[in-house]
Amino acid sequence: MRRPVRPSGMPFATVKGKSARNQDCVPERVTTGVAMVEFWVGVLFCTGVGYVIAGIGASGYSLFAEQSLSFDAAETSSPGILPHVLLILLTGPMLMVRQIVAAAANGDVNPVRLLTSTLVATTWSFCTGLAILNLGVALTG
């Protein structure tokens, strides 16, 4: 029996005991687990890119401004609010991790808050990395 082929040319996977006709839209690589590995590698890569961008941005600001970057925008002048918010959008994960690690070193934080803050920073970093990579792909064509 010939295996059905999708319009893209990739054959459908078959499961033992079921006919190929019941196997609609299941690519062969999904059944081998390759797609999940590719997915998680992509997630880790995006998260890493987000943390790297956050670290470079926070370190660059500290280097050139000679002060540490913080979430507090009260000291920022009116024309400087927009650049400050954009900088915080990029460097937020690094600021969160820096603050939570300092609090954990002092013993001022419980494990639930530490885990929650780390998960929020990691999710934020993933979103930042995904946006930066999409921007890079869009600019390179």
Foldseek 3Di string as FASTA:
>chain_A
DDFDADPVRFTFDDDPPDDNVVRPPHGPVVVVCPVVVVVVVLLVQLLVQLQVQLVVLQVVCCVPVVDGQDPDCPPPDPVCPVVSVVSCLRNVLVRLLVVLVVCVVVVNDDPVVSVVSNVVSSVSSSVNSVVVVVVVVVVVD
